[in-house]
């Protein structure tokens, strides 16, 4: 293989070295400008979806710690666990000597976040609420960890997949959808939630889109009165879907037409490129109910 002129090879090597050691800067979802003296090499992701995003951005090798339930991709299962949604083991985080912490802004209580700041490690706050936000997060993570090309490719694929999905189902007859977030009490999602965006993209009509909170609790009386044509919930393969209570209401269209369905909750619930895969599955269920 021809390597070219020695000076040119040396120049390329120096350029790569400089890129790997130069400062990097991004603005996070809290509006704060985060500047690192060099791309991060030891990263702790403090939410399962952030772990997934790091891998999607091509920087999985830089992860040294994750939160419980970080189960995708399979490589994440071998990483040290430093906490869960209720508490982070600060000593375990510090022992990993991270040079970057990734925090889910609304998924961790403010007091815990303040304690993390006491460690003196740079923090990137993430709060993606749209597919465009997921794509932008990928690009920012690629910048912070010097995997720009991989991150850009993943972001572009995610955007293209989402746009194609919306185009495919635009103009289809609407289907009234109730998304069961939880069964006791009965909870759903409203306008602005990522799952509501998936319902809309599929040509569905979220029957509780106009509720005042993002994940409202609703009464059975209200749910029945909304008369959904499709009821969807998320459940893992080893979990019951908890849809049996709907069978009491034979006059509801979804019950009468046997349109009580299950989706992969990890895909739809996590703000990652796989969300679009979950949305595609939801679109197929809505199309069947149409």
Protein backbone atom coordinates (compact mmCIF):
# COMPACT_ATOMS: atom_id res chain seq x y z
CA UNK A 1 0.00 0.00 0.00
CA UNK A 2 1.34 3.40 -0.97
CA UNK A 3 1.61 5.71 2.02
CA UNK A 4 2.58 8.90 0.21
CA UNK A 5 5.30 11.40 0.93
CA UNK A 6 6.74 11.07 4.48
CA UNK A 7 6.05 14.75 5.19
CA UNK A 8 2.42 14.36 4.19
CA UNK A 9 2.02 11.27 6.40
CA UNK A 10 3.61 13.14 9.30
CA UNK A 11 1.32 16.12 8.76
CA UNK A 12 -1.73 13.87 8.82
CA UNK A 13 -0.56 12.19 12.01
CA UNK A 14 0.01 15.55 13.67
CA UNK A 15 -3.40 16.75 12.58
CA UNK A 16 -5.06 13.70 14.15
CA UNK A 17 -3.06 14.18 17.34
CA UNK A 18 -4.01 17.84 17.54
CA UNK A 19 -7.69 17.04 16.95
CA UNK A 20 -7.62 14.46 19.72
CA UNK A 21 -6.11 16.93 22.21
CA UNK A 22 -7.78 20.19 21.20
CA UNK A 23 -10.53 21.75 23.34
CA UNK A 24 -14.13 20.93 22.39
CA UNK A 25 -17.22 22.96 23.18
CA UNK A 26 -21.01 22.45 22.91
CA UNK A 27 -24.14 23.99 24.36
CA UNK A 28 -26.24 21.50 26.34
CA UNK A 29 -30.02 21.36 26.76
CA UNK A 30 -29.84 23.55 29.86
CA UNK A 31 -28.37 26.29 27.67
CA UNK A 32 -24.96 26.02 29.30
CA UNK A 33 -21.79 26.07 27.21
CA UNK A 34 -19.67 23.08 28.14
CA UNK A 35 -15.99 23.23 27.18
CA UNK A 36 -13.59 20.34 27.68
CA UNK A 37 -9.82 20.75 27.37
CA UNK A 38 -9.81 17.67 25.12
CA UNK A 39 -12.40 15.14 23.92
CA UNK A 40 -13.77 13.04 26.78
CA UNK A 41 -12.27 9.57 27.20
CA UNK A 42 -13.88 8.40 30.46
CA UNK A 43 -17.62 8.99 30.41
CA UNK A 44 -20.33 8.05 32.91
CA UNK A 45 -23.90 8.05 31.52
CA UNK A 46 -26.48 8.57 34.25
CA UNK A 47 -29.55 7.25 32.43
CA UNK A 48 -30.13 4.16 30.25
CA UNK A 49 -31.08 6.22 27.19
CA UNK A 50 -27.88 8.27 27.53
CA UNK A 51 -25.86 5.05 27.51
CA UNK A 52 -27.64 4.05 24.32
CA UNK A 53 -26.98 7.46 22.75
CA UNK A 54 -23.26 7.24 23.49
CA UNK A 55 -23.07 3.88 21.71
CA UNK A 56 -25.16 5.23 18.83
CA UNK A 57 -22.72 8.14 18.52
CA UNK A 58 -19.86 5.65 18.09
CA UNK A 59 -18.31 6.32 21.49
CA UNK A 60 -19.26 3.22 23.45
CA UNK A 61 -15.60 2.44 24.13
CA UNK A 62 -15.39 5.65 26.18
CA UNK A 63 -18.09 4.64 28.65
CA UNK A 64 -16.78 3.59 32.05
CA UNK A 65 -20.00 3.67 34.09
CA UNK A 66 -23.76 3.47 33.58
CA UNK A 67 -27.05 3.37 35.47
CA UNK A 68 -29.11 0.27 36.25
CA UNK A 69 -31.26 -0.96 33.34
CA UNK A 70 -28.69 0.20 30.78
CA UNK A 71 -29.29 -2.92 28.71
CA UNK A 72 -28.82 -1.79 25.12
CA UNK A 73 -26.67 -2.54 23.26
CA UNK A 74 -25.49 -5.79 24.85
CA UNK A 75 -22.03 -4.30 25.47
CA UNK A 76 -23.60 -1.95 28.04
CA UNK A 77 -24.40 -4.89 30.32
CA UNK A 78 -20.72 -5.41 31.13
CA UNK A 79 -20.14 -1.85 32.36
CA UNK A 80 -20.00 -0.88 36.08
CA UNK A 81 -23.37 0.27 37.47
CA UNK A 82 -23.19 3.40 39.62
CA UNK A 83 -26.84 3.82 40.62
CA UNK A 84 -30.45 3.90 39.53
CA UNK A 85 -33.28 6.40 39.10
CA UNK A 86 -33.51 6.86 42.87
CA UNK A 87 -29.87 7.34 43.86
CA UNK A 88 -26.37 7.63 42.43
CA UNK A 89 -23.38 6.21 44.28
CA UNK A 90 -21.09 9.25 44.23
CA UNK A 91 -18.13 7.30 45.58
CA UNK A 92 -18.47 4.76 42.78
CA UNK A 93 -18.67 7.57 40.21
CA UNK A 94 -15.56 9.29 41.61
CA UNK A 95 -13.63 6.00 41.67
CA UNK A 96 -14.10 5.66 37.91
CA UNK A 97 -12.21 8.94 37.38
CA UNK A 98 -14.58 10.27 34.70
CA UNK A 99 -13.80 13.35 32.63
CA UNK A 100 -17.47 13.80 31.61
CA UNK A 101 -20.84 13.06 33.23
CA UNK A 102 -24.01 12.80 31.14
CA UNK A 103 -27.12 13.67 33.14
CA UNK A 104 -30.81 13.39 32.26
CA UNK A 105 -31.99 16.79 33.42
CA UNK A 106 -35.58 15.89 34.36
CA UNK A 107 -34.75 12.32 35.34
CA UNK A 108 -32.65 13.17 38.37
CA UNK A 109 -33.68 15.24 41.36
CA UNK A 110 -31.93 18.64 41.70
CA UNK A 111 -30.31 17.75 45.02
CA UNK A 112 -28.63 14.72 43.47
CA UNK A 113 -27.43 16.87 40.59
CA UNK A 114 -25.91 19.36 42.99
CA UNK A 115 -24.04 16.59 44.77
CA UNK A 116 -22.69 15.45 41.41
CA UNK A 117 -21.41 18.96 40.73
CA UNK A 118 -19.42 18.76 43.95
CA UNK A 119 -17.28 16.10 42.26
CA UNK A 120 -15.88 18.81 39.98
CA UNK A 121 -16.42 16.75 36.82
CA UNK A 122 -17.85 18.50 33.71
CA UNK A 123 -21.56 17.76 33.30
CA UNK A 124 -23.62 17.67 30.11
CA UNK A 125 -27.36 18.05 30.83
CA UNK A 126 -29.61 16.30 28.33
CA UNK A 127 -33.35 16.84 27.82
CA UNK A 128 -34.36 15.66 24.36
CA UNK A 129 -38.12 15.90 23.79
CA UNK A 130 -38.25 15.53 19.98
CA UNK A 131 -36.61 13.37 17.34
CA UNK A 132 -34.75 16.44 16.12
CA UNK A 133 -33.48 16.83 19.68
CA UNK A 134 -32.25 13.24 19.70
CA UNK A 135 -30.35 13.86 16.46
CA UNK A 136 -28.82 17.06 17.81
CA UNK A 137 -27.78 15.26 21.00
CA UNK A 138 -25.97 12.65 18.91
CA UNK A 139 -24.05 15.38 17.12
CA UNK A 140 -23.10 17.07 20.38
CA UNK A 141 -21.94 13.82 21.94
CA UNK A 142 -19.88 13.11 18.85
CA UNK A 143 -18.26 16.50 19.27
CA UNK A 144 -17.54 15.93 22.97
CA UNK A 145 -16.02 12.49 22.38
CA UNK A 146 -14.33 13.03 19.00
CA UNK A 147 -16.58 10.63 17.10
CA UNK A 148 -18.12 13.33 14.89
CA UNK A 149 -18.38 11.24 11.72
CA UNK A 150 -20.15 8.31 13.38
CA UNK A 151 -22.44 10.61 15.34
CA UNK A 152 -23.33 12.66 12.27
CA UNK A 153 -24.16 9.51 10.31
CA UNK A 154 -26.40 8.22 13.12
CA UNK A 155 -28.14 11.59 13.43
CA UNK A 156 -28.78 11.79 9.69
CA UNK A 157 -30.18 8.24 9.59
CA UNK A 158 -32.49 9.01 12.51
CA UNK A 159 -33.82 12.18 10.89
CA UNK A 160 -34.33 10.48 7.53
CA UNK A 161 -36.13 7.52 9.09
CA UNK A 162 -38.45 9.85 11.02
CA UNK A 163 -39.22 12.00 7.98
CA UNK A 164 -39.97 8.92 5.87
CA UNK A 165 -42.28 7.54 8.56
CA UNK A 166 -44.23 10.78 8.80
CA UNK A 167 -44.51 11.03 5.02
CA UNK A 168 -45.76 7.44 4.73
CA UNK A 169 -48.68 7.94 7.12
CA UNK A 170 -49.58 11.57 6.44
CA UNK A 171 -53.11 12.04 5.16
CA UNK A 172 -54.34 8.66 6.41
CA UNK A 173 -57.77 8.57 8.13
CA UNK A 174 -57.28 9.33 11.86
CA UNK A 175 -57.55 6.58 14.48
CA UNK A 176 -58.46 7.38 18.10
CA UNK A 177 -55.63 6.04 20.30
CA UNK A 178 -55.33 5.60 24.05
CA UNK A 179 -51.76 4.96 25.16
CA UNK A 180 -51.77 3.24 28.56
CA UNK A 181 -48.66 4.39 30.35
CA UNK A 182 -49.72 2.70 33.59
CA UNK A 183 -52.75 0.68 34.67
CA UNK A 184 -53.27 1.50 38.35
CA UNK A 185 -53.93 4.36 38.46
CA UNK A 186 -54.75 4.69 34.79
CA UNK A 187 -52.14 6.97 33.22
CA UNK A 188 -51.55 8.15 29.67
CA UNK A 189 -49.56 10.79 27.74
CA UNK A 190 -50.55 14.23 26.51
CA UNK A 191 -49.47 16.61 23.79
CA UNK A 192 -45.72 17.20 23.74
CA UNK A 193 -44.74 13.78 25.08
CA UNK A 194 -42.48 11.85 22.72
CA UNK A 195 -45.05 9.03 22.50
CA UNK A 196 -47.76 11.56 21.58
CA UNK A 197 -45.50 12.71 18.75
CA UNK A 198 -45.26 9.12 17.54
CA UNK A 199 -49.06 8.75 17.61
CA UNK A 200 -49.44 11.92 15.55
CA UNK A 201 -46.74 10.88 13.08
CA UNK A 202 -48.67 7.64 12.48
CA UNK A 203 -51.90 9.46 11.73
CA UNK A 204 -53.34 8.65 15.13
CA UNK A 205 -55.39 10.92 17.37
CA UNK A 206 -54.31 10.85 21.01
CA UNK A 207 -57.63 11.01 22.87
CA UNK A 208 -56.04 12.78 25.86
CA UNK A 209 -53.63 15.04 23.99
CA UNK A 210 -55.08 18.20 25.55
CA UNK A 211 -54.52 17.26 29.18
CA UNK A 212 -52.61 19.81 31.25
CA UNK A 213 -49.79 17.52 32.40
CA UNK A 214 -47.38 15.46 30.33
CA UNK A 215 -48.39 12.11 31.90
CA UNK A 216 -51.94 12.66 33.22
CA UNK A 217 -53.90 10.29 35.43
CA UNK A 218 -57.39 9.78 34.00
CA UNK A 219 -60.53 8.07 35.26
CA UNK A 220 -61.94 4.93 33.71
CA UNK A 221 -65.13 6.89 33.05
CA UNK A 222 -63.20 9.43 30.96
CA UNK A 223 -61.22 6.73 29.17
CA UNK A 224 -64.38 4.85 28.21
CA UNK A 225 -66.13 8.06 27.14
CA UNK A 226 -63.18 8.83 24.81
CA UNK A 227 -64.01 5.55 23.03
CA UNK A 228 -60.55 4.77 21.60
CA UNK A 229 -60.33 2.60 18.52
CA UNK A 230 -56.92 1.32 19.66
CA UNK A 231 -55.50 0.85 23.15
CA UNK A 232 -51.73 0.42 23.32
CA UNK A 233 -49.40 -0.24 26.20
CA UNK A 234 -45.74 -1.16 26.59
CA UNK A 235 -44.50 -4.34 28.22
CA UNK A 236 -41.38 -6.45 28.20
CA UNK A 237 -41.60 -10.08 27.13
CA UNK A 238 -41.62 -11.25 30.76
CA UNK A 239 -44.12 -8.63 31.98
CA UNK A 240 -47.94 -8.75 31.92
CA UNK A 241 -49.44 -5.96 29.77
CA UNK A 242 -52.24 -5.18 32.27
CA UNK A 243 -54.87 -4.65 29.60
CA UNK A 244 -57.44 -7.06 31.01
CA UNK A 245 -59.41 -4.30 32.79
CA UNK A 246 -60.53 -2.96 29.41
CA UNK A 247 -62.52 -6.12 28.79
CA UNK A 248 -65.18 -4.80 31.18
CA UNK A 249 -66.17 -2.21 28.59
CA UNK A 250 -67.46 -4.13 25.58
CA UNK A 251 -68.93 -1.00 23.99
CA UNK A 252 -65.51 0.61 23.58
CA UNK A 253 -64.45 0.29 19.93
CA UNK A 254 -60.98 -1.03 20.76
CA UNK A 255 -62.44 -3.79 22.93
CA UNK A 256 -65.23 -4.65 20.50
CA UNK A 257 -62.73 -4.92 17.63
CA UNK A 258 -60.02 -6.63 19.72
CA UNK A 259 -57.56 -3.79 19.26
CA UNK A 260 -55.75 -4.01 22.61
CA UNK A 261 -52.07 -4.12 21.62
CA UNK A 262 -48.55 -4.23 23.09
CA UNK A 263 -45.40 -2.42 21.95
CA UNK A 264 -41.75 -2.57 23.00
CA UNK A 265 -41.62 -0.03 25.80
CA UNK A 266 -37.85 0.37 25.76
CA UNK A 267 -37.97 1.69 22.23
CA UNK A 268 -40.84 4.14 22.62
CA UNK A 269 -39.88 5.27 26.12
CA UNK A 270 -36.21 6.01 25.46
CA UNK A 271 -35.13 9.13 23.61
CA UNK A 272 -32.75 7.40 21.21
CA UNK A 273 -32.66 6.45 17.51
CA UNK A 274 -34.55 3.27 18.42
CA UNK A 275 -37.55 5.45 19.31
CA UNK A 276 -38.23 5.76 15.59
CA UNK A 277 -38.21 1.95 15.29
CA UNK A 278 -40.76 1.83 18.11
CA UNK A 279 -42.83 4.51 16.38
CA UNK A 280 -42.80 2.42 13.20
CA UNK A 281 -44.19 -0.53 15.15
CA UNK A 282 -46.88 1.76 16.60
CA UNK A 283 -47.74 2.97 13.10
CA UNK A 284 -48.28 -0.62 11.99
CA UNK A 285 -50.70 -1.19 14.88
CA UNK A 286 -52.57 2.02 14.09
CA UNK A 287 -52.77 0.98 10.43
CA UNK A 288 -54.26 -2.38 11.43
CA UNK A 289 -56.89 -0.59 13.53
CA UNK A 290 -57.65 1.89 10.74
